[in-house]
């Protein structure tokens, strides 16, 4: 139930009531420690299948084996992997990643 408070209008000087509703409790947001394959792919801007292929051939970011069937990526690993792939020119990229020059 809202409570009411008497307030004075600054322009007219008339008194009136204003209902004050209690603030809703905010849900605490929890930052995940590990991101799923789909989340990591979205963050890196590649498809989930590409992340899987890079994980299999060892060219992707480091991952965490949560269970025998479940993997995840830490934010630090994703950031480090993206930073390691940063280049200044296209000639650096083709030389570095084995593309045609």
PDB file of N, CA and C in Angstrom:
ATOM      1  N   UNK A   1       0.850  -1.171   0.000  1.00  0.00           N
ATOM      2  CA  UNK A   1       0.000   0.000   0.000  1.00  0.00           C
ATOM      3  C   UNK A   1       0.896   1.235   0.000  1.00  0.00           C
ATOM      4  N   UNK A   2       0.659   2.174  -0.914  1.00  0.00           N
ATOM      5  CA  UNK A   2       1.506   3.361  -0.957  1.00  0.00           C
ATOM      6  C   UNK A   2       1.180   4.305   0.192  1.00  0.00           C
ATOM      7  N   UNK A   3       2.214   5.020   0.618  1.00  0.00           N
ATOM      8  CA  UNK A   3       1.998   6.057   1.624  1.00  0.00           C
ATOM      9  C   UNK A   3       1.844   7.388   0.894  1.00  0.00           C
ATOM     10  N   UNK A   4       1.217   8.360   1.544  1.00  0.00           N
ATOM     11  CA  UNK A   4       1.039   9.662   0.907  1.00  0.00           C
ATOM     12  C   UNK A   4       1.765  10.725   1.725  1.00  0.00           C
ATOM     13  N   UNK A   5       2.205  11.750   1.033  1.00  0.00           N
ATOM     14  CA  UNK A   5       2.908  12.844   1.690  1.00  0.00           C
ATOM     15  C   UNK A   5       2.359  14.159   1.156  1.00  0.00           C
ATOM     16  N   UNK A   6       2.222  15.157   2.028  1.00  0.00           N
ATOM     17  CA  UNK A   6       1.762  16.470   1.620  1.00  0.00           C
ATOM     18  C   UNK A   6       2.936  17.228   0.998  1.00  0.00           C
ATOM     19  N   UNK A   7       2.705  17.793  -0.184  1.00  0.00           N
ATOM     20  CA  UNK A   7       3.734  18.579  -0.861  1.00  0.00           C
ATOM     21  C   UNK A   7       3.106  19.863  -1.377  1.00  0.00           C
ATOM     22  N   UNK A   8       3.922  20.866  -1.597  1.00  0.00           N
ATOM     23  CA  UNK A   8       3.439  22.148  -2.101  1.00  0.00           C
ATOM     24  C   UNK A   8       3.961  22.321  -3.519  1.00  0.00           C
ATOM     25  N   UNK A   9       3.040  22.668  -4.425  1.00  0.00           N
ATOM     26  CA  UNK A   9       3.405  22.926  -5.807  1.00  0.00           C
ATOM     27  C   UNK A   9       4.205  24.211  -5.868  1.00  0.00           C
ATOM     28  N   UNK A  10       5.373  24.178  -6.505  1.00  0.00           N
ATOM     29  CA  UNK A  10       6.237  25.349  -6.562  1.00  0.00           C
ATOM     30  C   UNK A  10       5.621  26.495  -7.356  1.00  0.00           C
ATOM     31  N   UNK A  11       4.879  26.184  -8.413  1.00  0.00           N
ATOM     32  CA  UNK A  11       4.308  27.235  -9.261  1.00  0.00           C
ATOM     33  C   UNK A  11       3.045  27.850  -8.663  1.00  0.00           C
ATOM     34  N   UNK A  12       2.137  27.006  -8.215  1.00  0.00           N
ATOM     35  CA  UNK A  12       0.848  27.521  -7.747  1.00  0.00           C
ATOM     36  C   UNK A  12       0.798  27.754  -6.249  1.00  0.00           C
ATOM     37  N   UNK A  13       1.659  27.103  -5.498  1.00  0.00           N
ATOM     38  CA  UNK A  13       1.644  27.239  -4.051  1.00  0.00           C
ATOM     39  C   UNK A  13       0.557  26.415  -3.391  1.00  0.00           C
ATOM     40  N   UNK A  14      -0.172  25.613  -4.153  1.00  0.00           N
ATOM     41  CA  UNK A  14      -1.239  24.786  -3.598  1.00  0.00           C
ATOM     42  C   UNK A  14      -0.672  23.508  -3.003  1.00  0.00           C
ATOM     43  N   UNK A  15      -1.330  23.034  -1.968  1.00  0.00           N
ATOM     44  CA  UNK A  15      -0.929  21.798  -1.315  1.00  0.00           C
ATOM     45  C   UNK A  15      -1.636  20.621  -1.985  1.00  0.00           C
ATOM     46  N   UNK A  16      -0.998  19.504  -1.991  1.00  0.00           N
ATOM     47  CA  UNK A  16      -1.591  18.300  -2.551  1.00  0.00           C
ATOM     48  C   UNK A  16      -0.896  17.081  -1.988  1.00  0.00           C
ATOM     49  N   UNK A  17      -1.364  15.927  -2.366  1.00  0.00           N
ATOM     50  CA  UNK A  17      -0.788  14.674  -1.889  1.00  0.00           C
ATOM     51  C   UNK A  17      -0.052  13.979  -3.026  1.00  0.00           C
ATOM     52  N   UNK A  18       1.017  13.339  -2.671  1.00  0.00           N
ATOM     53  CA  UNK A  18       1.775  12.544  -3.623  1.00  0.00           C
ATOM     54  C   UNK A  18       1.903  11.156  -3.037  1.00  0.00           C
ATOM     55  N   UNK A  19       1.598  10.161  -3.847  1.00  0.00           N
ATOM     56  CA  UNK A  19       1.730   8.778  -3.385  1.00  0.00           C
ATOM     57  C   UNK A  19       3.172   8.330  -3.550  1.00  0.00           C
ATOM     58  N   UNK A  20       3.699   7.735  -2.522  1.00  0.00           N
ATOM     59  CA  UNK A  20       5.053   7.196  -2.561  1.00  0.00           C
ATOM     60  C   UNK A  20       4.966   5.680  -2.496  1.00  0.00           C
ATOM     61  N   UNK A  21       5.396   5.049  -3.553  1.00  0.00           N
ATOM     62  CA  UNK A  21       5.398   3.600  -3.586  1.00  0.00           C
ATOM     63  C   UNK A  21       6.751   3.105  -3.098  1.00  0.00           C
ATOM     64  N   UNK A  22       6.750   2.072  -2.308  1.00  0.00           N
ATOM     65  CA  UNK A  22       8.042   1.556  -1.840  1.00  0.00           C
ATOM     66  C   UNK A  22       8.869   1.049  -3.022  1.00  0.00           C
ATOM     67  N   UNK A  23      10.151   1.259  -2.965  1.00  0.00           N
ATOM     68  CA  UNK A  23      11.036   0.820  -4.039  1.00  0.00           C
ATOM     69  C   UNK A  23      11.044  -0.704  -4.103  1.00  0.00           C
ATOM     70  N   UNK A  24      11.051  -1.215  -5.324  1.00  0.00           N
ATOM     71  CA  UNK A  24      11.124  -2.656  -5.499  1.00  0.00           C
ATOM     72  C   UNK A  24      12.527  -3.124  -5.143  1.00  0.00           C
ATOM     73  N   UNK A  25      12.607  -4.227  -4.470  1.00  0.00           N
ATOM     74  CA  UNK A  25      13.951  -4.742  -4.186  1.00  0.00           C
ATOM     75  C   UNK A  25      14.618  -5.145  -5.502  1.00  0.00           C
ATOM     76  N   UNK A  26      15.854  -4.748  -5.671  1.00  0.00           N
ATOM     77  CA  UNK A  26      16.576  -5.068  -6.904  1.00  0.00           C
ATOM     78  C   UNK A  26      17.231  -6.437  -6.765  1.00  0.00           C
ATOM     79  N   UNK A  27      17.138  -7.179  -7.853  1.00  0.00           N
ATOM     80  CA  UNK A  27      17.796  -8.474  -7.862  1.00  0.00           C
ATOM     81  C   UNK A  27      19.291  -8.248  -8.026  1.00  0.00           C
ATOM     82  N   UNK A  28      20.036  -8.957  -7.239  1.00  0.00           N
ATOM     83  CA  UNK A  28      21.483  -8.847  -7.330  1.00  0.00           C
ATOM     84  C   UNK A  28      21.947  -9.547  -8.599  1.00  0.00           C
ATOM     85  N   UNK A  29      22.717  -8.844  -9.410  1.00  0.00           N
ATOM     86  CA  UNK A  29      23.229  -9.463 -10.620  1.00  0.00           C
ATOM     87  C   UNK A  29      24.539 -10.172 -10.307  1.00  0.00           C
ATOM     88  N   UNK A  30      24.626 -11.374 -10.768  1.00  0.00           N
ATOM     89  CA  UNK A  30      25.807 -12.183 -10.530  1.00  0.00           C
ATOM     90  C   UNK A  30      26.562 -12.325 -11.847  1.00  0.00           C
ATOM     91  N   UNK A  31      27.802 -11.928 -11.855  1.00  0.00           N
ATOM     92  CA  UNK A  31      28.637 -12.074 -13.036  1.00  0.00           C
ATOM     93  C   UNK A  31      29.130 -13.507 -13.098  1.00  0.00           C
ATOM     94  N   UNK A  32      28.880 -14.184 -14.213  1.00  0.00           N
ATOM     95  CA  UNK A  32      29.312 -15.579 -14.287  1.00  0.00           C
ATOM     96  C   UNK A  32      30.834 -15.701 -14.312  1.00  0.00           C
ATOM     97  N   UNK A  33      31.347 -16.749 -13.702  1.00  0.00           N
ATOM     98  CA  UNK A  33      32.783 -17.021 -13.719  1.00  0.00           C
ATOM     99  C   UNK A  33      33.192 -17.681 -15.029  1.00  0.00           C
ATOM    100  N   UNK A  34      32.261 -18.439 -15.609  1.00  0.00           N
ATOM    101  CA  UNK A  34      32.535 -19.182 -16.833  1.00  0.00           C
ATOM    102  C   UNK A  34      31.371 -18.964 -17.797  1.00  0.00           C
ATOM    103  N   UNK A  35      31.711 -18.758 -19.071  1.00  0.00           N
ATOM    104  CA  UNK A  35      30.698 -18.562 -20.106  1.00  0.00           C
ATOM    105  C   UNK A  35      30.583 -19.825 -20.947  1.00  0.00           C
ATOM    106  N   UNK A  36      29.370 -20.120 -21.391  1.00  0.00           N
ATOM    107  CA  UNK A  36      29.142 -21.294 -22.229  1.00  0.00           C
ATOM    108  C   UNK A  36      29.752 -21.082 -23.610  1.00  0.00           C
ATOM    109  N   UNK A  37      29.789 -22.146 -24.395  1.00  0.00           N
ATOM    110  CA  UNK A  37      30.310 -22.058 -25.760  1.00  0.00           C
ATOM    111  C   UNK A  37      29.532 -21.020 -26.567  1.00  0.00           C
ATOM    112  N   UNK A  38      28.204 -21.043 -26.465  1.00  0.00           N
ATOM    113  CA  UNK A  38      27.374 -20.099 -27.215  1.00  0.00           C
ATOM    114  C   UNK A  38      27.603 -18.656 -26.765  1.00  0.00           C
ATOM    115  N   UNK A  39      27.711 -18.451 -25.463  1.00  0.00           N
ATOM    116  CA  UNK A  39      27.959 -17.100 -24.943  1.00  0.00           C
ATOM    117  C   UNK A  39      29.334 -16.601 -25.380  1.00  0.00           C
ATOM    118  N   UNK A  40      30.338 -17.467 -25.284  1.00  0.00           N
ATOM    119  CA  UNK A  40      31.694 -17.078 -25.672  1.00  0.00           C
ATOM    120  C   UNK A  40      31.755 -16.768 -27.168  1.00  0.00           C
ATOM    121  N   UNK A  41      31.067 -17.561 -27.963  1.00  0.00           N
ATOM    122  CA  UNK A  41      31.041 -17.319 -29.408  1.00  0.00           C
ATOM    123  C   UNK A  41      30.405 -15.967 -29.713  1.00  0.00           C
ATOM    124  N   UNK A  42      29.312 -15.661 -29.031  1.00  0.00           N
ATOM    125  CA  UNK A  42      28.649 -14.373 -29.244  1.00  0.00           C
ATOM    126  C   UNK A  42      29.565 -13.225 -28.826  1.00  0.00           C
ATOM    127  N   UNK A  43      30.288 -13.392 -27.740  1.00  0.00           N
ATOM    128  CA  UNK A  43      31.197 -12.343 -27.268  1.00  0.00           C
ATOM    129  C   UNK A  43      32.355 -12.145 -28.242  1.00  0.00           C
ATOM    130  N   UNK A  44      32.838 -13.233 -28.852  1.00  0.00           N
ATOM    131  CA  UNK A  44      33.971 -13.160 -29.771  1.00  0.00           C
ATOM    132  C   UNK A  44      33.538 -12.809 -31.191  1.00  0.00           C
ATOM    133  N   UNK A  45      32.242 -12.881 -31.460  1.00  0.00           N
ATOM    134  CA  UNK A  45      31.749 -12.543 -32.793  1.00  0.00           C
ATOM    135  C   UNK A  45      31.929 -13.653 -33.812  1.00  0.00           C
ATOM    136  N   UNK A  46      31.939 -14.887 -33.351  1.00  0.00           N
ATOM    137  CA  UNK A  46      32.025 -16.040 -34.247  1.00  0.00           C
ATOM    138  C   UNK A  46      30.865 -16.979 -33.936  1.00  0.00           C
ATOM    139  N   UNK A  47      30.664 -17.965 -34.787  1.00  0.00           N
ATOM    140  CA  UNK A  47      29.572 -18.906 -34.543  1.00  0.00           C
ATOM    141  C   UNK A  47      29.981 -19.921 -33.480  1.00  0.00           C
ATOM    142  N   UNK A  48      29.002 -20.515 -32.798  1.00  0.00           N
ATOM    143  CA  UNK A  48      29.319 -21.564 -31.820  1.00  0.00           C
ATOM    144  C   UNK A  48      30.078 -22.735 -32.447  1.00  0.00           C
ATOM    145  N   UNK A  49      29.757 -23.062 -33.696  1.00  0.00           N
ATOM    146  CA  UNK A  49      30.442 -24.154 -34.389  1.00  0.00           C
ATOM    147  C   UNK A  49      31.916 -23.807 -34.624  1.00  0.00           C
ATOM    148  N   UNK A  50      32.190 -22.531 -34.941  1.00  0.00           N
ATOM    149  CA  UNK A  50      33.577 -22.100 -35.117  1.00  0.00           C
ATOM    150  C   UNK A  50      34.343 -22.235 -33.808  1.00  0.00           C
ATOM    151  N   UNK A  51      33.705 -21.873 -32.700  1.00  0.00           N
ATOM    152  CA  UNK A  51      34.362 -22.031 -31.390  1.00  0.00           C
ATOM    153  C   UNK A  51      34.687 -23.503 -31.142  1.00  0.00           C
ATOM    154  N   UNK A  52      33.765 -24.395 -31.473  1.00  0.00           N
ATOM    155  CA  UNK A  52      34.002 -25.829 -31.299  1.00  0.00           C
ATOM    156  C   UNK A  52      35.182 -26.288 -32.151  1.00  0.00           C
ATOM    157  N   UNK A  53      35.210 -25.872 -33.404  1.00  0.00           N
ATOM    158  CA  UNK A  53      36.297 -26.270 -34.296  1.00  0.00           C
ATOM    159  C   UNK A  53      37.640 -25.731 -33.809  1.00  0.00           C
ATOM    160  N   UNK A  54      37.664 -24.486 -33.354  1.00  0.00           N
ATOM    161  CA  UNK A  54      38.912 -23.914 -32.845  1.00  0.00           C
ATOM    162  C   UNK A  54      39.356 -24.618 -31.566  1.00  0.00           C
ATOM    163  N   UNK A  55      38.405 -25.048 -30.758  1.00  0.00           N
ATOM    164  CA  UNK A  55      38.749 -25.791 -29.539  1.00  0.00           C
ATOM    165  C   UNK A  55      39.373 -27.133 -29.911  1.00  0.00           C
ATOM    166  N   UNK A  56      38.841 -27.778 -30.957  1.00  0.00           N
ATOM    167  CA  UNK A  56      39.353 -29.082 -31.370  1.00  0.00           C
ATOM    168  C   UNK A  56      40.744 -28.992 -31.984  1.00  0.00           C
ATOM    169  N   UNK A  57      41.007 -27.942 -32.781  1.00  0.00           N
ATOM    170  CA  UNK A  57      42.322 -27.854 -33.422  1.00  0.00           C
ATOM    171  C   UNK A  57      43.326 -27.023 -32.624  1.00  0.00           C
ATOM    172  N   UNK A  58      42.914 -26.510 -31.453  1.00  0.00           N
ATOM    173  CA  UNK A  58      43.839 -25.812 -30.571  1.00  0.00           C
ATOM    174  C   UNK A  58      44.096 -24.351 -30.911  1.00  0.00           C
ATOM    175  N   UNK A  59      43.321 -23.772 -31.826  1.00  0.00           N
ATOM    176  CA  UNK A  59      43.538 -22.366 -32.193  1.00  0.00           C
ATOM    177  C   UNK A  59      42.649 -21.403 -31.425  1.00  0.00           C
ATOM    178  N   UNK A  60      41.731 -21.915 -30.634  1.00  0.00           N
ATOM    179  CA  UNK A  60      40.798 -21.069 -29.892  1.00  0.00           C
ATOM    180  C   UNK A  60      41.330 -20.691 -28.524  1.00  0.00           C
ATOM    181  N   UNK A  61      40.504 -19.991 -27.762  1.00  0.00           N
ATOM    182  CA  UNK A  61      40.915 -19.599 -26.407  1.00  0.00           C
ATOM    183  C   UNK A  61      40.980 -20.806 -25.476  1.00  0.00           C
ATOM    184  N   UNK A  62      41.733 -20.648 -24.387  1.00  0.00           N
ATOM    185  CA  UNK A  62      41.786 -21.705 -23.381  1.00  0.00           C
ATOM    186  C   UNK A  62      40.390 -21.910 -22.814  1.00  0.00           C
ATOM    187  N   UNK A  63      40.075 -23.136 -22.475  1.00  0.00           N
ATOM    188  CA  UNK A  63      38.748 -23.436 -21.942  1.00  0.00           C
ATOM    189  C   UNK A  63      38.850 -24.220 -20.652  1.00  0.00           C
ATOM    190  N   UNK A  64      37.740 -24.308 -19.962  1.00  0.00           N
ATOM    191  CA  UNK A  64      37.667 -24.991 -18.674  1.00  0.00           C
ATOM    192  C   UNK A  64      36.769 -26.210 -18.840  1.00  0.00           C
ATOM    193  N   UNK A  65      37.256 -27.371 -18.392  1.00  0.00           N
ATOM    194  CA  UNK A  65      36.437 -28.581 -18.406  1.00  0.00           C
ATOM    195  C   UNK A  65      35.643 -28.616 -17.102  1.00  0.00           C
ATOM    196  N   UNK A  66      34.385 -28.249 -17.170  1.00  0.00           N
ATOM    197  CA  UNK A  66      33.541 -28.236 -15.972  1.00  0.00           C
ATOM    198  C   UNK A  66      33.133 -29.647 -15.572  1.00  0.00           C
ATOM    199  N   UNK A  67      32.769 -30.435 -16.567  1.00  0.00           N
ATOM    200  CA  UNK A  67      32.479 -31.857 -16.378  1.00  0.00           C
ATOM    201  C   UNK A  67      33.051 -32.575 -17.594  1.00  0.00           C
ATOM    202  N   UNK A  68      32.787 -33.859 -17.706  1.00  0.00           N
ATOM    203  CA  UNK A  68      33.274 -34.585 -18.884  1.00  0.00           C
ATOM    204  C   UNK A  68      32.640 -34.065 -20.169  1.00  0.00           C
ATOM    205  N   UNK A  69      31.420 -33.563 -20.066  1.00  0.00           N
ATOM    206  CA  UNK A  69      30.699 -33.136 -21.265  1.00  0.00           C
ATOM    207  C   UNK A  69      30.455 -31.635 -21.343  1.00  0.00           C
ATOM    208  N   UNK A  70      30.826 -30.899 -20.337  1.00  0.00           N
ATOM    209  CA  UNK A  70      30.520 -29.465 -20.294  1.00  0.00           C
ATOM    210  C   UNK A  70      31.804 -28.654 -20.211  1.00  0.00           C
ATOM    211  N   UNK A  71      31.941 -27.701 -21.141  1.00  0.00           N
ATOM    212  CA  UNK A  71      33.118 -26.833 -21.135  1.00  0.00           C
ATOM    213  C   UNK A  71      32.648 -25.393 -20.962  1.00  0.00           C
ATOM    214  N   UNK A  72      33.592 -24.536 -20.648  1.00  0.00           N
ATOM    215  CA  UNK A  72      33.293 -23.116 -20.519  1.00  0.00           C
ATOM    216  C   UNK A  72      34.545 -22.299 -20.766  1.00  0.00           C
ATOM    217  N   UNK A  73      34.356 -21.004 -20.874  1.00  0.00           N
ATOM    218  CA  UNK A  73      35.465 -20.076 -21.120  1.00  0.00           C
ATOM    219  C   UNK A  73      35.420 -18.979 -20.070  1.00  0.00           C
ATOM    220  N   UNK A  74      36.577 -18.659 -19.504  1.00  0.00           N
ATOM    221  CA  UNK A  74      36.633 -17.537 -18.573  1.00  0.00           C
ATOM    222  C   UNK A  74      36.772 -16.252 -19.374  1.00  0.00           C
ATOM    223  N   UNK A  75      36.341 -15.163 -18.779  1.00  0.00           N
ATOM    224  CA  UNK A  75      36.443 -13.865 -19.440  1.00  0.00           C
ATOM    225  C   UNK A  75      37.904 -13.513 -19.687  1.00  0.00           C
ATOM    226  N   UNK A  76      38.765 -13.849 -18.740  1.00  0.00           N
ATOM    227  CA  UNK A  76      40.194 -13.563 -18.890  1.00  0.00           C
ATOM    228  C   UNK A  76      40.780 -14.321 -20.080  1.00  0.00           C
ATOM    229  N   UNK A  77      40.381 -15.581 -20.251  1.00  0.00           N
ATOM    230  CA  UNK A  77      40.887 -16.378 -21.372  1.00  0.00           C
ATOM    231  C   UNK A  77      40.405 -15.806 -22.698  1.00  0.00           C
ATOM    232  N   UNK A  78      39.152 -15.380 -22.754  1.00  0.00           N
ATOM    233  CA  UNK A  78      38.629 -14.786 -23.986  1.00  0.00           C
ATOM    234  C   UNK A  78      39.355 -13.486 -24.313  1.00  0.00           C
ATOM    235  N   UNK A  79      39.557 -12.646 -23.305  1.00  0.00           N
ATOM    236  CA  UNK A  79      40.262 -11.377 -23.533  1.00  0.00           C
ATOM    237  C   UNK A  79      41.702 -11.610 -23.991  1.00  0.00           C
ATOM    238  N   UNK A  80      42.394 -12.552 -23.351  1.00  0.00           N
ATOM    239  CA  UNK A  80      43.778 -12.847 -23.719  1.00  0.00           C
ATOM    240  C   UNK A  80      43.858 -13.391 -25.144  1.00  0.00           C
ATOM    241  N   UNK A  81      42.932 -14.259 -25.503  1.00  0.00           N
ATOM    242  CA  UNK A  81      42.923 -14.831 -26.845  1.00  0.00           C
ATOM    243  C   UNK A  81      42.667 -13.754 -27.890  1.00  0.00           C
ATOM    244  N   UNK A  82      41.707 -12.885 -27.635  1.00  0.00           N
ATOM    245  CA  UNK A  82      41.418 -11.803 -28.579  1.00  0.00           C
ATOM    246  C   UNK A  82      42.616 -10.862 -28.686  1.00  0.00           C
ATOM    247  N   UNK A  83      43.252 -10.555 -27.558  1.00  0.00           N
ATOM    248  CA  UNK A  83      44.429  -9.680 -27.582  1.00  0.00           C
ATOM    249  C   UNK A  83      45.573 -10.327 -28.362  1.00  0.00           C
ATOM    250  N   UNK A  84      45.710 -11.651 -28.253  1.00  0.00           N
ATOM    251  CA  UNK A  84      46.796 -12.335 -28.962  1.00  0.00           C
ATOM    252  C   UNK A  84      46.568 -12.353 -30.470  1.00  0.00           C
ATOM    253  N   UNK A  85      45.333 -12.136 -30.899  1.00  0.00           N
ATOM    254  CA  UNK A  85      45.014 -12.146 -32.321  1.00  0.00           C
ATOM    255  C   UNK A  85      44.970 -10.743 -32.919  1.00  0.00           C
ATOM    256  N   UNK A  86      45.281  -9.739 -32.125  1.00  0.00           N
ATOM    257  CA  UNK A  86      45.267  -8.368 -32.617  1.00  0.00           C
ATOM    258  C   UNK A  86      46.468  -8.116 -33.518  1.00  0.00           C
ATOM    259  N   UNK A  87      46.219  -7.490 -34.670  1.00  0.00           N
ATOM    260  CA  UNK A  87      47.278  -7.143 -35.621  1.00  0.00           C
ATOM    261  C   UNK A  87      47.095  -5.695 -36.048  1.00  0.00           C
ATOM    262  N   UNK A  88      48.138  -5.111 -36.629  1.00  0.00           N
ATOM    263  CA  UNK A  88      48.080  -3.709 -37.034  1.00  0.00           C
ATOM    264  C   UNK A  88      47.802  -3.533 -38.520  1.00  0.00           C
ATOM    265  N   UNK A  89      48.055  -4.557 -39.305  1.00  0.00           N
ATOM    266  CA  UNK A  89      47.780  -4.439 -40.743  1.00  0.00           C
ATOM    267  C   UNK A  89      47.386  -5.800 -41.296  1.00  0.00           C
ATOM    268  N   UNK A  90      46.820  -5.799 -42.481  1.00  0.00           N
ATOM    269  CA  UNK A  90      46.402  -7.061 -43.091  1.00  0.00           C
ATOM    270  C   UNK A  90      47.605  -7.920 -43.461  1.00  0.00           C
ATOM    271  N   UNK A  91      48.744  -7.290 -43.780  1.00  0.00           N
ATOM    272  CA  UNK A  91      49.930  -8.091 -44.101  1.00  0.00           C
ATOM    273  C   UNK A  91      50.417  -8.840 -42.856  1.00  0.00           C
ATOM    274  N   UNK A  92      50.304  -8.219 -41.676  1.00  0.00           N
ATOM    275  CA  UNK A  92      50.651  -8.917 -40.440  1.00  0.00           C
ATOM    276  C   UNK A  92      49.731 -10.108 -40.225  1.00  0.00           C
ATOM    277  N   UNK A  93      48.462  -9.939 -40.526  1.00  0.00           N
ATOM    278  CA  UNK A  93      47.480 -10.996 -40.292  1.00  0.00           C
ATOM    279  C   UNK A  93      47.736 -12.182 -41.200  1.00  0.00           C
ATOM    280  N   UNK A  94      48.028 -11.937 -42.482  1.00  0.00           N
ATOM    281  CA  UNK A  94      48.243 -13.079 -43.383  1.00  0.00           C
ATOM    282  C   UNK A  94      49.515 -13.832 -43.049  1.00  0.00           C
ATOM    283  N   UNK A  95      50.541 -13.115 -42.622  1.00  0.00           N
ATOM    284  CA  UNK A  95      51.795 -13.769 -42.242  1.00  0.00           C
ATOM    285  C   UNK A  95      51.620 -14.536 -40.941  1.00  0.00           C
ATOM    286  N   UNK A  96      50.950 -13.912 -39.992  1.00  0.00           N
ATOM    287  CA  UNK A  96      50.830 -14.473 -38.658  1.00  0.00           C
ATOM    288  C   UNK A  96      49.915 -15.694 -38.606  1.00  0.00           C
ATOM    289  N   UNK A  97      48.805 -15.647 -39.346  1.00  0.00           N
ATOM    290  CA  UNK A  97      47.817 -16.708 -39.256  1.00  0.00           C
ATOM    291  C   UNK A  97      47.851 -17.673 -40.445  1.00  0.00           C
ATOM    292  N   UNK A  98      48.899 -17.595 -41.256  1.00  0.00           N
ATOM    293  CA  UNK A  98      49.098 -18.570 -42.311  1.00  0.00           C
ATOM    294  C   UNK A  98      48.244 -18.401 -43.538  1.00  0.00           C
ATOM    295  N   UNK A  99      47.723 -17.196 -43.768  1.00  0.00           N
ATOM    296  CA  UNK A  99      46.931 -16.944 -44.966  1.00  0.00           C
ATOM    297  C   UNK A  99      47.811 -16.640 -46.144  1.00  0.00           C
ATOM    298  N   UNK A 100      47.208 -16.514 -47.322  1.00  0.00           N
ATOM    299  CA  UNK A 100      47.963 -16.192 -48.529  1.00  0.00           C
ATOM    300  C   UNK A 100      48.361 -14.715 -48.488  1.00  0.00           C
ATOM    301  N   UNK A 101      49.601 -14.436 -48.788  1.00  0.00           N
ATOM    302  CA  UNK A 101      50.089 -13.055 -48.747  1.00  0.00           C
ATOM    303  C   UNK A 101      49.883 -12.334 -50.042  1.00  0.00           C
TER     304      UNK A 101
END
